[in-house]
Amino acid sequence: MNDTKNAGGMMVTATLWLVLLVSAATNSIGQFAGLDWTFRMIAGGISVVCIVLLIVRYIARRRA
């Protein structure tokens, strides 16, 4: 679980940040773009999951 020290861990963290930004943007501007409510809520859920995973990875890295 503590793979944040190697290159693969950095790639996972960067990917999580990218997915977080895209899903948060989709959730934020989805209403103005005419996206369905269900799709926006799924994007919001993905954002929350990314935030939780980033926090877990941060705590695991600090403990190592």
PDB file of N, CA and C in Angstrom:
ATOM      1  N   MET A   1       0.819  -1.188   0.000  1.00  0.00           N
ATOM      2  CA  MET A   1       0.000   0.000   0.000  1.00  0.00           C
ATOM      3  C   MET A   1       0.862   1.250   0.000  1.00  0.00           C
ATOM      4  N   ASN A   2       2.061   1.130   0.470  1.00  0.00           N
ATOM      5  CA  ASN A   2       2.918   2.307   0.560  1.00  0.00           C
ATOM      6  C   ASN A   2       3.799   2.413  -0.682  1.00  0.00           C
ATOM      7  N   ASP A   3       3.171   2.635  -1.828  1.00  0.00           N
ATOM      8  CA  ASP A   3       3.916   2.737  -3.078  1.00  0.00           C
ATOM      9  C   ASP A   3       4.120   4.179  -3.513  1.00  0.00           C
ATOM     10  N   THR A   4       3.894   5.132  -2.626  1.00  0.00           N
ATOM     11  CA  THR A   4       4.037   6.541  -3.003  1.00  0.00           C
ATOM     12  C   THR A   4       5.484   6.968  -3.073  1.00  0.00           C
ATOM     13  N   LYS A   5       6.424   6.139  -2.642  1.00  0.00           N
ATOM     14  CA  LYS A   5       7.840   6.491  -2.687  1.00  0.00           C
ATOM     15  C   LYS A   5       8.459   6.233  -4.057  1.00  0.00           C
ATOM     16  N   ASN A   6       7.864   5.349  -4.860  1.00  0.00           N
ATOM     17  CA  ASN A   6       8.451   5.036  -6.159  1.00  0.00           C
ATOM     18  C   ASN A   6       7.725   5.773  -7.278  1.00  0.00           C
ATOM     19  N   ALA A   7       8.229   5.598  -8.494  1.00  0.00           N
ATOM     20  CA  ALA A   7       7.678   6.332  -9.642  1.00  0.00           C
ATOM     21  C   ALA A   7       6.227   5.959  -9.913  1.00  0.00           C
ATOM     22  N   GLY A   8       5.853   4.689  -9.721  1.00  0.00           N
ATOM     23  CA  GLY A   8       4.473   4.266  -9.933  1.00  0.00           C
ATOM     24  C   GLY A   8       3.514   4.960  -8.989  1.00  0.00           C
ATOM     25  N   GLY A   9       3.957   5.188  -7.750  1.00  0.00           N
ATOM     26  CA  GLY A   9       3.118   5.876  -6.775  1.00  0.00           C
ATOM     27  C   GLY A   9       2.847   7.312  -7.170  1.00  0.00           C
ATOM     28  N   MET A  10       3.844   7.962  -7.729  1.00  0.00           N
ATOM     29  CA  MET A  10       3.649   9.341  -8.187  1.00  0.00           C
ATOM     30  C   MET A  10       2.677   9.396  -9.363  1.00  0.00           C
ATOM     31  N   MET A  11       2.725   8.387 -10.209  1.00  0.00           N
ATOM     32  CA  MET A  11       1.820   8.342 -11.352  1.00  0.00           C
ATOM     33  C   MET A  11       0.370   8.155 -10.886  1.00  0.00           C
ATOM     34  N   VAL A  12       0.174   7.318  -9.879  1.00  0.00           N
ATOM     35  CA  VAL A  12      -1.164   7.106  -9.338  1.00  0.00           C
ATOM     36  C   VAL A  12      -1.683   8.399  -8.710  1.00  0.00           C
ATOM     37  N   THR A  13      -0.844   9.079  -7.967  1.00  0.00           N
ATOM     38  CA  THR A  13      -1.247  10.339  -7.342  1.00  0.00           C
ATOM     39  C   THR A  13      -1.596  11.390  -8.386  1.00  0.00           C
ATOM     40  N   ALA A  14      -0.789  11.500  -9.417  1.00  0.00           N
ATOM     41  CA  ALA A  14      -1.066  12.463 -10.485  1.00  0.00           C
ATOM     42  C   ALA A  14      -2.373  12.124 -11.202  1.00  0.00           C
ATOM     43  N   THR A  15      -2.608  10.847 -11.414  1.00  0.00           N
ATOM     44  CA  THR A  15      -3.848  10.419 -12.069  1.00  0.00           C
ATOM     45  C   THR A  15      -5.061  10.735 -11.200  1.00  0.00           C
ATOM     46  N   LEU A  16      -4.937  10.498  -9.903  1.00  0.00           N
ATOM     47  CA  LEU A  16      -6.032  10.833  -8.992  1.00  0.00           C
ATOM     48  C   LEU A  16      -6.340  12.334  -9.024  1.00  0.00           C
ATOM     49  N   TRP A  17      -5.308  13.160  -9.038  1.00  0.00           N
ATOM     50  CA  TRP A  17      -5.520  14.608  -9.119  1.00  0.00           C
ATOM     51  C   TRP A  17      -6.206  14.994 -10.427  1.00  0.00           C
ATOM     52  N   LEU A  18      -5.782  14.379 -11.517  1.00  0.00           N
ATOM     53  CA  LEU A  18      -6.383  14.691 -12.817  1.00  0.00           C
ATOM     54  C   LEU A  18      -7.855  14.290 -12.850  1.00  0.00           C
ATOM     55  N   VAL A  19      -8.161  13.098 -12.365  1.00  0.00           N
ATOM     56  CA  VAL A  19      -9.549  12.639 -12.332  1.00  0.00           C
ATOM     57  C   VAL A  19     -10.378  13.530 -11.418  1.00  0.00           C
ATOM     58  N   LEU A  20      -9.799  13.949 -10.300  1.00  0.00           N
ATOM     59  CA  LEU A  20     -10.504  14.851  -9.386  1.00  0.00           C
ATOM     60  C   LEU A  20     -10.845  16.163 -10.078  1.00  0.00           C
ATOM     61  N   LEU A  21      -9.889  16.745 -10.771  1.00  0.00           N
ATOM     62  CA  LEU A  21     -10.144  18.025 -11.444  1.00  0.00           C
ATOM     63  C   LEU A  21     -11.212  17.905 -12.526  1.00  0.00           C
ATOM     64  N   VAL A  22     -11.142  16.844 -13.311  1.00  0.00           N
ATOM     65  CA  VAL A  22     -12.121  16.666 -14.395  1.00  0.00           C
ATOM     66  C   VAL A  22     -13.511  16.415 -13.831  1.00  0.00           C
ATOM     67  N   SER A  23     -13.611  15.553 -12.828  1.00  0.00           N
ATOM     68  CA  SER A  23     -14.933  15.250 -12.281  1.00  0.00           C
ATOM     69  C   SER A  23     -15.516  16.446 -11.522  1.00  0.00           C
ATOM     70  N   ALA A  24     -14.677  17.197 -10.826  1.00  0.00           N
ATOM     71  CA  ALA A  24     -15.171  18.391 -10.135  1.00  0.00           C
ATOM     72  C   ALA A  24     -15.646  19.445 -11.140  1.00  0.00           C
ATOM     73  N   ALA A  25     -14.908  19.605 -12.217  1.00  0.00           N
ATOM     74  CA  ALA A  25     -15.327  20.562 -13.254  1.00  0.00           C
ATOM     75  C   ALA A  25     -16.635  20.118 -13.904  1.00  0.00           C
ATOM     76  N   THR A  26     -16.761  18.830 -14.154  1.00  0.00           N
ATOM     77  CA  THR A  26     -18.004  18.302 -14.731  1.00  0.00           C
ATOM     78  C   THR A  26     -19.173  18.550 -13.790  1.00  0.00           C
ATOM     79  N   ASN A  27     -18.955  18.320 -12.521  1.00  0.00           N
ATOM     80  CA  ASN A  27     -20.013  18.532 -11.537  1.00  0.00           C
ATOM     81  C   ASN A  27     -20.360  20.015 -11.427  1.00  0.00           C
ATOM     82  N   SER A  28     -19.372  20.873 -11.487  1.00  0.00           N
ATOM     83  CA  SER A  28     -19.599  22.307 -11.302  1.00  0.00           C
ATOM     84  C   SER A  28     -20.306  22.958 -12.487  1.00  0.00           C
ATOM     85  N   ILE A  29     -19.826  22.698 -13.686  1.00  0.00           N
ATOM     86  CA  ILE A  29     -20.388  23.386 -14.849  1.00  0.00           C
ATOM     87  C   ILE A  29     -21.423  22.553 -15.591  1.00  0.00           C
ATOM     88  N   GLY A  30     -21.722  21.383 -15.064  1.00  0.00           N
ATOM     89  CA  GLY A  30     -22.680  20.502 -15.723  1.00  0.00           C
ATOM     90  C   GLY A  30     -24.063  21.097 -15.857  1.00  0.00           C
ATOM     91  N   GLN A  31     -24.502  21.846 -14.871  1.00  0.00           N
ATOM     92  CA  GLN A  31     -25.829  22.450 -14.927  1.00  0.00           C
ATOM     93  C   GLN A  31     -25.926  23.460 -16.068  1.00  0.00           C
ATOM     94  N   PHE A  32     -24.874  24.232 -16.239  1.00  0.00           N
ATOM     95  CA  PHE A  32     -24.883  25.243 -17.299  1.00  0.00           C
ATOM     96  C   PHE A  32     -24.717  24.619 -18.677  1.00  0.00           C
ATOM     97  N   ALA A  33     -24.067  23.450 -18.721  1.00  0.00           N
ATOM     98  CA  ALA A  33     -23.864  22.763 -19.989  1.00  0.00           C
ATOM     99  C   ALA A  33     -25.051  21.885 -20.359  1.00  0.00           C
ATOM    100  N   GLY A  34     -26.009  21.751 -19.452  1.00  0.00           N
ATOM    101  CA  GLY A  34     -27.206  20.981 -19.743  1.00  0.00           C
ATOM    102  C   GLY A  34     -27.060  19.492 -19.486  1.00  0.00           C
ATOM    103  N   LEU A  35     -26.121  19.102 -18.628  1.00  0.00           N
ATOM    104  CA  LEU A  35     -25.955  17.691 -18.314  1.00  0.00           C
ATOM    105  C   LEU A  35     -27.054  17.233 -17.364  1.00  0.00           C
ATOM    106  N   ASP A  36     -27.383  15.968 -17.462  1.00  0.00           N
ATOM    107  CA  ASP A  36     -28.415  15.376 -16.624  1.00  0.00           C
ATOM    108  C   ASP A  36     -27.974  15.374 -15.159  1.00  0.00           C
ATOM    109  N   TRP A  37     -28.937  15.465 -14.244  1.00  0.00           N
ATOM    110  CA  TRP A  37     -28.656  15.493 -12.812  1.00  0.00           C
ATOM    111  C   TRP A  37     -27.920  14.236 -12.365  1.00  0.00           C
ATOM    112  N   THR A  38     -28.325  13.093 -12.869  1.00  0.00           N
ATOM    113  CA  THR A  38     -27.690  11.832 -12.483  1.00  0.00           C
ATOM    114  C   THR A  38     -26.214  11.817 -12.868  1.00  0.00           C
ATOM    115  N   PHE A  39     -25.907  12.280 -14.042  1.00  0.00           N
ATOM    116  CA  PHE A  39     -24.515  12.315 -14.497  1.00  0.00           C
ATOM    117  C   PHE A  39     -23.672  13.243 -13.628  1.00  0.00           C
ATOM    118  N   ARG A  40     -24.241  14.366 -13.240  1.00  0.00           N
ATOM    119  CA  ARG A  40     -23.520  15.309 -12.373  1.00  0.00           C
ATOM    120  C   ARG A  40     -23.289  14.729 -10.988  1.00  0.00           C
ATOM    121  N   MET A  41     -24.246  13.987 -10.469  1.00  0.00           N
ATOM    122  CA  MET A  41     -24.084  13.377  -9.149  1.00  0.00           C
ATOM    123  C   MET A  41     -23.040  12.249  -9.184  1.00  0.00           C
ATOM    124  N   ILE A  42     -22.974  11.527 -10.294  1.00  0.00           N
ATOM    125  CA  ILE A  42     -21.929  10.510 -10.454  1.00  0.00           C
ATOM    126  C   ILE A  42     -20.560  11.183 -10.480  1.00  0.00           C
ATOM    127  N   ALA A  43     -20.443  12.292 -11.185  1.00  0.00           N
ATOM    128  CA  ALA A  43     -19.184  13.032 -11.223  1.00  0.00           C
ATOM    129  C   ALA A  43     -18.821  13.544  -9.834  1.00  0.00           C
ATOM    130  N   GLY A  44     -19.795  13.997  -9.073  1.00  0.00           N
ATOM    131  CA  GLY A  44     -19.542  14.439  -7.708  1.00  0.00           C
ATOM    132  C   GLY A  44     -19.084  13.296  -6.822  1.00  0.00           C
ATOM    133  N   GLY A  45     -19.686  12.130  -6.997  1.00  0.00           N
ATOM    134  CA  GLY A  45     -19.271  10.947  -6.237  1.00  0.00           C
ATOM    135  C   GLY A  45     -17.843  10.540  -6.559  1.00  0.00           C
ATOM    136  N   ILE A  46     -17.482  10.619  -7.821  1.00  0.00           N
ATOM    137  CA  ILE A  46     -16.109  10.310  -8.232  1.00  0.00           C
ATOM    138  C   ILE A  46     -15.138  11.307  -7.595  1.00  0.00           C
ATOM    139  N   SER A  47     -15.545  12.565  -7.519  1.00  0.00           N
ATOM    140  CA  SER A  47     -14.708  13.579  -6.870  1.00  0.00           C
ATOM    141  C   SER A  47     -14.473  13.247  -5.405  1.00  0.00           C
ATOM    142  N   VAL A  48     -15.523  12.845  -4.721  1.00  0.00           N
ATOM    143  CA  VAL A  48     -15.402  12.506  -3.304  1.00  0.00           C
ATOM    144  C   VAL A  48     -14.481  11.294  -3.119  1.00  0.00           C
ATOM    145  N   VAL A  49     -14.618  10.297  -3.967  1.00  0.00           N
ATOM    146  CA  VAL A  49     -13.761   9.103  -3.879  1.00  0.00           C
ATOM    147  C   VAL A  49     -12.302   9.485  -4.108  1.00  0.00           C
ATOM    148  N   CYS A  50     -12.042  10.339  -5.077  1.00  0.00           N
ATOM    149  CA  CYS A  50     -10.669  10.783  -5.334  1.00  0.00           C
ATOM    150  C   CYS A  50     -10.098  11.534  -4.136  1.00  0.00           C
ATOM    151  N   ILE A  51     -10.889  12.383  -3.519  1.00  0.00           N
ATOM    152  CA  ILE A  51     -10.421  13.125  -2.345  1.00  0.00           C
ATOM    153  C   ILE A  51     -10.074  12.165  -1.220  1.00  0.00           C
ATOM    154  N   VAL A  52     -10.930  11.185  -0.981  1.00  0.00           N
ATOM    155  CA  VAL A  52     -10.667  10.212   0.081  1.00  0.00           C
ATOM    156  C   VAL A  52      -9.391   9.429  -0.214  1.00  0.00           C
ATOM    157  N   LEU A  53      -9.223   8.982  -1.452  1.00  0.00           N
ATOM    158  CA  LEU A  53      -8.024   8.219  -1.807  1.00  0.00           C
ATOM    159  C   LEU A  53      -6.753   9.064  -1.688  1.00  0.00           C
ATOM    160  N   LEU A  54      -6.826  10.329  -2.066  1.00  0.00           N
ATOM    161  CA  LEU A  54      -5.667  11.200  -1.919  1.00  0.00           C
ATOM    162  C   LEU A  54      -5.310  11.419  -0.446  1.00  0.00           C
ATOM    163  N   ILE A  55      -6.302  11.554   0.399  1.00  0.00           N
ATOM    164  CA  ILE A  55      -6.036  11.712   1.829  1.00  0.00           C
ATOM    165  C   ILE A  55      -5.422  10.441   2.410  1.00  0.00           C
ATOM    166  N   VAL A  56      -5.962   9.292   2.025  1.00  0.00           N
ATOM    167  CA  VAL A  56      -5.417   8.019   2.509  1.00  0.00           C
ATOM    168  C   VAL A  56      -3.970   7.856   2.069  1.00  0.00           C
ATOM    169  N   ARG A  57      -3.669   8.178   0.825  1.00  0.00           N
ATOM    170  CA  ARG A  57      -2.292   8.071   0.332  1.00  0.00           C
ATOM    171  C   ARG A  57      -1.367   9.043   1.070  1.00  0.00           C
ATOM    172  N   TYR A  58      -1.846  10.233   1.361  1.00  0.00           N
ATOM    173  CA  TYR A  58      -1.040  11.219   2.092  1.00  0.00           C
ATOM    174  C   TYR A  58      -0.716  10.719   3.504  1.00  0.00           C
ATOM    175  N   ILE A  59      -1.721  10.202   4.195  1.00  0.00           N
ATOM    176  CA  ILE A  59      -1.509   9.702   5.551  1.00  0.00           C
ATOM    177  C   ILE A  59      -0.566   8.506   5.536  1.00  0.00           C
ATOM    178  N   ALA A  60      -0.719   7.611   4.576  1.00  0.00           N
ATOM    179  CA  ALA A  60       0.162   6.434   4.483  1.00  0.00           C
ATOM    180  C   ALA A  60       1.605   6.860   4.221  1.00  0.00           C
ATOM    181  N   ARG A  61       1.782   7.874   3.398  1.00  0.00           N
ATOM    182  CA  ARG A  61       3.141   8.354   3.101  1.00  0.00           C
ATOM    183  C   ARG A  61       3.773   9.005   4.326  1.00  0.00           C
ATOM    184  N   ARG A  62       2.977   9.723   5.107  1.00  0.00           N
ATOM    185  CA  ARG A  62       3.525  10.370   6.311  1.00  0.00           C
ATOM    186  C   ARG A  62       3.922   9.354   7.369  1.00  0.00           C
ATOM    187  N   ARG A  63       3.189   8.246   7.452  1.00  0.00           N
ATOM    188  CA  ARG A  63       3.510   7.223   8.454  1.00  0.00           C
ATOM    189  C   ARG A  63       4.734   6.402   8.100  1.00  0.00           C
ATOM    190  N   ALA A  64       5.068   6.369   6.821  1.00  0.00           N
ATOM    191  CA  ALA A  64       6.216   5.547   6.396  1.00  0.00           C
ATOM    192  C   ALA A  64       7.531   6.218   6.688  1.00  0.00           C
TER     193      ALA A  64
END
